[in-house]
C-alpha cells in the first residue's frame, strides 16, 4: 500500500467560536475573520501543497465556505462528505461552553461514558465511528494521493485521539485553532 497524505483542516471562525458557544449541527456562517482565515489558509496550503488532488468538507456552510477557496485555488471540485460534520449535542446546541461545564456537567458525562448522548445529539463514540470510517474510506479511495479534509474542531480531535492514541475522550488534547 502506498502512502496517502491527509490534510485535516479546521473551519474558519464563526461567531459561536469567538463567543465560546457550542455549534455542532447548527449551520452557522463564517464571520469576517473566518472568511479571511479561509482565504489565507487556501493561499498557504495551495502554495505549499499543490499536489492535493481532492478537497472534501462537511456539508455545513461554514466548512463549505472554508474549503471553497482552497478547492478553487487548486482547480478542484469541492466534495461534501456528511460524515465529516461536527459533533452534535442535540438539545444543548448553542449553549455557552461555561454552561455546558457548570450547569450540564457535559464534559464530565462524556468523560465517564463515551456512549452518553444529550437528547437529540450524538455520543462521542458515534462521532468517532463516522469520522474514522470517513477518513479510512477517503484514504482508500485516494491511495497514494494527498487530500484535504475540512471539518470541525471536536470531530477532528475525536478522530485524531482515536487514530493516534486509540482513545476517544482525549480529543481536547488535539484542539486546533480555526483553519489550523
Protein backbone atom coordinates (compact mmCIF):
# COMPACT_ATOMS: atom_id res chain seq x y z
CA UNK A 1 0.00 0.00 0.00
CA UNK A 2 1.34 3.42 -0.89
CA UNK A 3 1.16 6.37 1.46
CA UNK A 4 -1.82 8.69 1.33
CA UNK A 5 -1.40 12.14 2.87
CA UNK A 6 -4.41 13.60 4.65
CA UNK A 7 -4.56 17.29 5.47
CA UNK A 8 -7.11 17.76 8.26
CA UNK A 9 -8.18 21.41 8.33
CA UNK A 10 -10.49 23.03 10.84
CA UNK A 11 -13.06 25.52 9.56
CA UNK A 12 -12.67 29.29 9.81
CA UNK A 13 -14.05 31.27 12.72
CA UNK A 14 -17.77 31.67 13.34
CA UNK A 15 -19.34 33.97 15.92
CA UNK A 16 -20.04 30.97 18.16
CA UNK A 17 -16.28 30.23 18.32
CA UNK A 18 -15.50 33.81 19.29
CA UNK A 19 -18.28 33.79 21.91
CA UNK A 20 -17.44 30.27 23.18
CA UNK A 21 -20.81 28.70 22.28
CA UNK A 22 -21.14 25.12 21.00
CA UNK A 23 -22.37 24.91 17.42
CA UNK A 24 -22.21 21.28 16.36
CA UNK A 25 -25.07 20.66 13.96
CA UNK A 26 -26.07 24.34 13.97
CA UNK A 27 -25.45 25.61 10.43
CA UNK A 28 -23.56 28.84 11.12
CA UNK A 29 -21.87 31.15 8.64
CA UNK A 30 -18.23 32.20 8.79
CA UNK A 31 -17.75 35.65 10.26
CA UNK A 32 -15.47 38.30 8.70
CA UNK A 33 -12.41 36.85 10.45
CA UNK A 34 -13.37 33.33 9.34
CA UNK A 35 -13.68 34.36 5.71
CA UNK A 36 -10.24 35.99 5.87
CA UNK A 37 -8.79 32.88 7.56
CA UNK A 38 -10.24 30.69 4.80
CA UNK A 39 -8.57 32.78 2.10
CA UNK A 40 -5.24 32.81 3.94
CA UNK A 41 -5.37 29.06 4.56
CA UNK A 42 -6.19 28.42 0.90
CA UNK A 43 -3.27 30.55 -0.27
CA UNK A 44 -0.85 28.85 2.13
CA UNK A 45 -1.97 25.27 1.54
CA UNK A 46 -2.19 25.62 -2.25
CA UNK A 47 1.28 27.17 -2.36
CA UNK A 48 2.93 24.54 -0.16
CA UNK A 49 0.86 21.50 -1.18
CA UNK A 50 -0.18 21.84 -4.83
CA UNK A 51 -0.18 18.04 -5.00
CA UNK A 52 -3.56 17.89 -3.20
CA UNK A 53 -5.88 16.06 -5.59
CA UNK A 54 -9.20 16.27 -3.74
CA UNK A 55 -10.89 18.60 -1.25
CA UNK A 56 -13.64 17.18 0.97
CA UNK A 57 -15.67 19.04 3.56
CA UNK A 58 -18.53 18.69 5.98
CA UNK A 59 -21.85 19.72 4.37
CA UNK A 60 -22.33 22.61 6.82
CA UNK A 61 -21.95 26.05 5.24
CA UNK A 62 -19.07 27.10 7.50
CA UNK A 63 -16.91 24.24 6.27
CA UNK A 64 -18.01 24.59 2.65
CA UNK A 65 -17.10 28.28 2.77
CA UNK A 66 -13.75 27.46 4.39
CA UNK A 67 -12.92 24.74 1.85
CA UNK A 68 -14.18 26.54 -1.28
CA UNK A 69 -11.22 28.94 -1.65
CA UNK A 70 -8.79 26.01 -1.39
CA UNK A 71 -10.66 23.95 -3.97
CA UNK A 72 -10.79 26.98 -6.27
CA UNK A 73 -7.06 27.66 -5.97
CA UNK A 74 -6.29 24.01 -6.69
CA UNK A 75 -8.85 23.94 -9.52
CA UNK A 76 -10.72 21.08 -7.89
CA UNK A 77 -14.38 20.40 -7.30
CA UNK A 78 -15.39 20.72 -3.66
CA UNK A 79 -16.81 17.41 -2.42
CA UNK A 80 -19.20 17.45 0.56
CA UNK A 81 -18.90 14.43 2.88
CA UNK A 82 -21.60 14.17 5.54
CA UNK A 83 -19.51 12.03 7.90
CA UNK A 84 -17.09 14.95 8.38
CA UNK A 85 -19.78 17.01 10.17
CA UNK A 86 -19.35 18.30 13.72
CA UNK A 87 -20.25 16.59 16.99
CA UNK A 88 -23.94 17.36 17.51
CA UNK A 89 -25.01 17.78 21.13
CA UNK A 90 -28.75 17.91 20.46
CA UNK A 91 -30.79 19.96 22.91
CA UNK A 92 -27.58 21.52 24.27
CA UNK A 93 -26.66 23.05 20.89
CA UNK A 94 -25.85 26.74 21.10
CA UNK A 95 -25.02 26.61 24.80
CA UNK A 96 -22.09 28.61 26.13
CA UNK A 97 -19.20 26.30 26.97
CA UNK A 98 -19.27 27.59 30.57
CA UNK A 99 -22.93 26.49 30.84
CA UNK A 100 -22.04 23.06 29.45
CA UNK A 101 -19.41 22.77 32.19
CA UNK A 102 -21.23 24.27 35.16
CA UNK A 103 -24.91 23.51 34.58
CA UNK A 104 -24.89 20.34 32.50
CA UNK A 105 -21.61 18.67 33.55
CA UNK A 106 -21.33 17.83 29.87
CA UNK A 107 -17.58 17.18 29.74
CA UNK A 108 -17.70 15.05 32.90
CA UNK A 109 -20.55 13.00 31.44
CA UNK A 110 -18.77 12.32 28.15
CA UNK A 111 -15.56 11.54 30.01
CA UNK A 112 -17.39 8.98 32.18
CA UNK A 113 -19.15 7.40 29.20
CA UNK A 114 -18.26 7.92 25.59
CA UNK A 115 -21.71 6.46 24.79
CA UNK A 116 -23.52 9.31 26.58
CA UNK A 117 -25.52 11.49 24.19
CA UNK A 118 -27.65 14.50 25.14
CA UNK A 119 -31.27 14.27 23.96
CA UNK A 120 -31.30 14.59 20.18
CA UNK A 121 -27.50 14.51 19.99
CA UNK A 122 -24.67 12.09 19.36
CA UNK A 123 -22.26 10.26 21.58
CA UNK A 124 -18.51 10.70 21.29
CA UNK A 125 -18.31 7.06 20.13
CA UNK A 126 -20.77 7.76 17.32
CA UNK A 127 -18.71 10.72 16.14
CA UNK A 128 -15.54 8.61 16.37
CA UNK A 129 -17.00 5.82 14.27
CA UNK A 130 -18.27 8.04 11.48
CA UNK A 131 -15.16 10.25 11.37
CA UNK A 132 -12.71 7.34 11.39
CA UNK A 133 -14.81 5.47 8.82
CA UNK A 134 -14.77 8.57 6.59
CA UNK A 135 -11.02 9.05 6.97
CA UNK A 136 -10.33 5.39 6.13
CA UNK A 137 -12.80 5.34 3.23
CA UNK A 138 -11.37 8.53 1.70
CA UNK A 139 -7.79 7.36 2.29
CA UNK A 140 -8.53 4.11 0.46
CA UNK A 141 -10.34 5.93 -2.34
CA UNK A 142 -7.30 8.19 -2.87
CA UNK A 143 -4.50 5.70 -2.25
CA UNK A 144 -1.11 7.29 -2.89
CA UNK A 145 -2.55 10.80 -3.21
CA UNK A 146 -2.78 13.87 -0.98
CA UNK A 147 -6.24 15.06 0.02
CA UNK A 148 -7.67 17.83 2.18
CA UNK A 149 -10.49 17.15 4.66
CA UNK A 150 -12.10 20.32 6.01
CA UNK A 151 -14.08 19.59 9.14
CA UNK A 152 -14.75 20.78 12.69
CA UNK A 153 -12.68 21.08 15.84
CA UNK A 154 -14.27 18.45 18.06
CA UNK A 155 -14.83 15.97 15.22
CA UNK A 156 -11.21 16.22 14.07
CA UNK A 157 -9.97 15.96 17.67
CA UNK A 158 -12.06 12.84 18.30
CA UNK A 159 -10.72 11.18 15.14
CA UNK A 160 -7.11 12.11 15.91
CA UNK A 161 -7.39 10.93 19.50
CA UNK A 162 -8.60 7.55 18.28
CA UNK A 163 -6.13 7.24 15.39
CA UNK A 164 -3.06 8.41 17.31
CA UNK A 165 -3.75 7.16 20.83
CA UNK A 166 -6.58 4.64 20.49
CA UNK A 167 -8.53 6.80 22.94
CA UNK A 168 -11.80 8.59 22.38
CA UNK A 169 -12.22 11.13 25.12
CA UNK A 170 -8.78 12.70 24.88
CA UNK A 171 -9.97 14.75 21.89
CA UNK A 172 -9.45 18.09 23.64
CA UNK A 173 -5.72 17.38 23.53
CA UNK A 174 -5.94 17.77 19.75
CA UNK A 175 -7.67 21.14 19.73
CA UNK A 176 -6.53 23.36 16.88
CA UNK A 177 -7.26 26.96 16.06
CA UNK A 178 -9.56 27.99 13.25
CA UNK A 179 -8.13 26.96 9.86
CA UNK A 180 -5.41 25.04 11.69
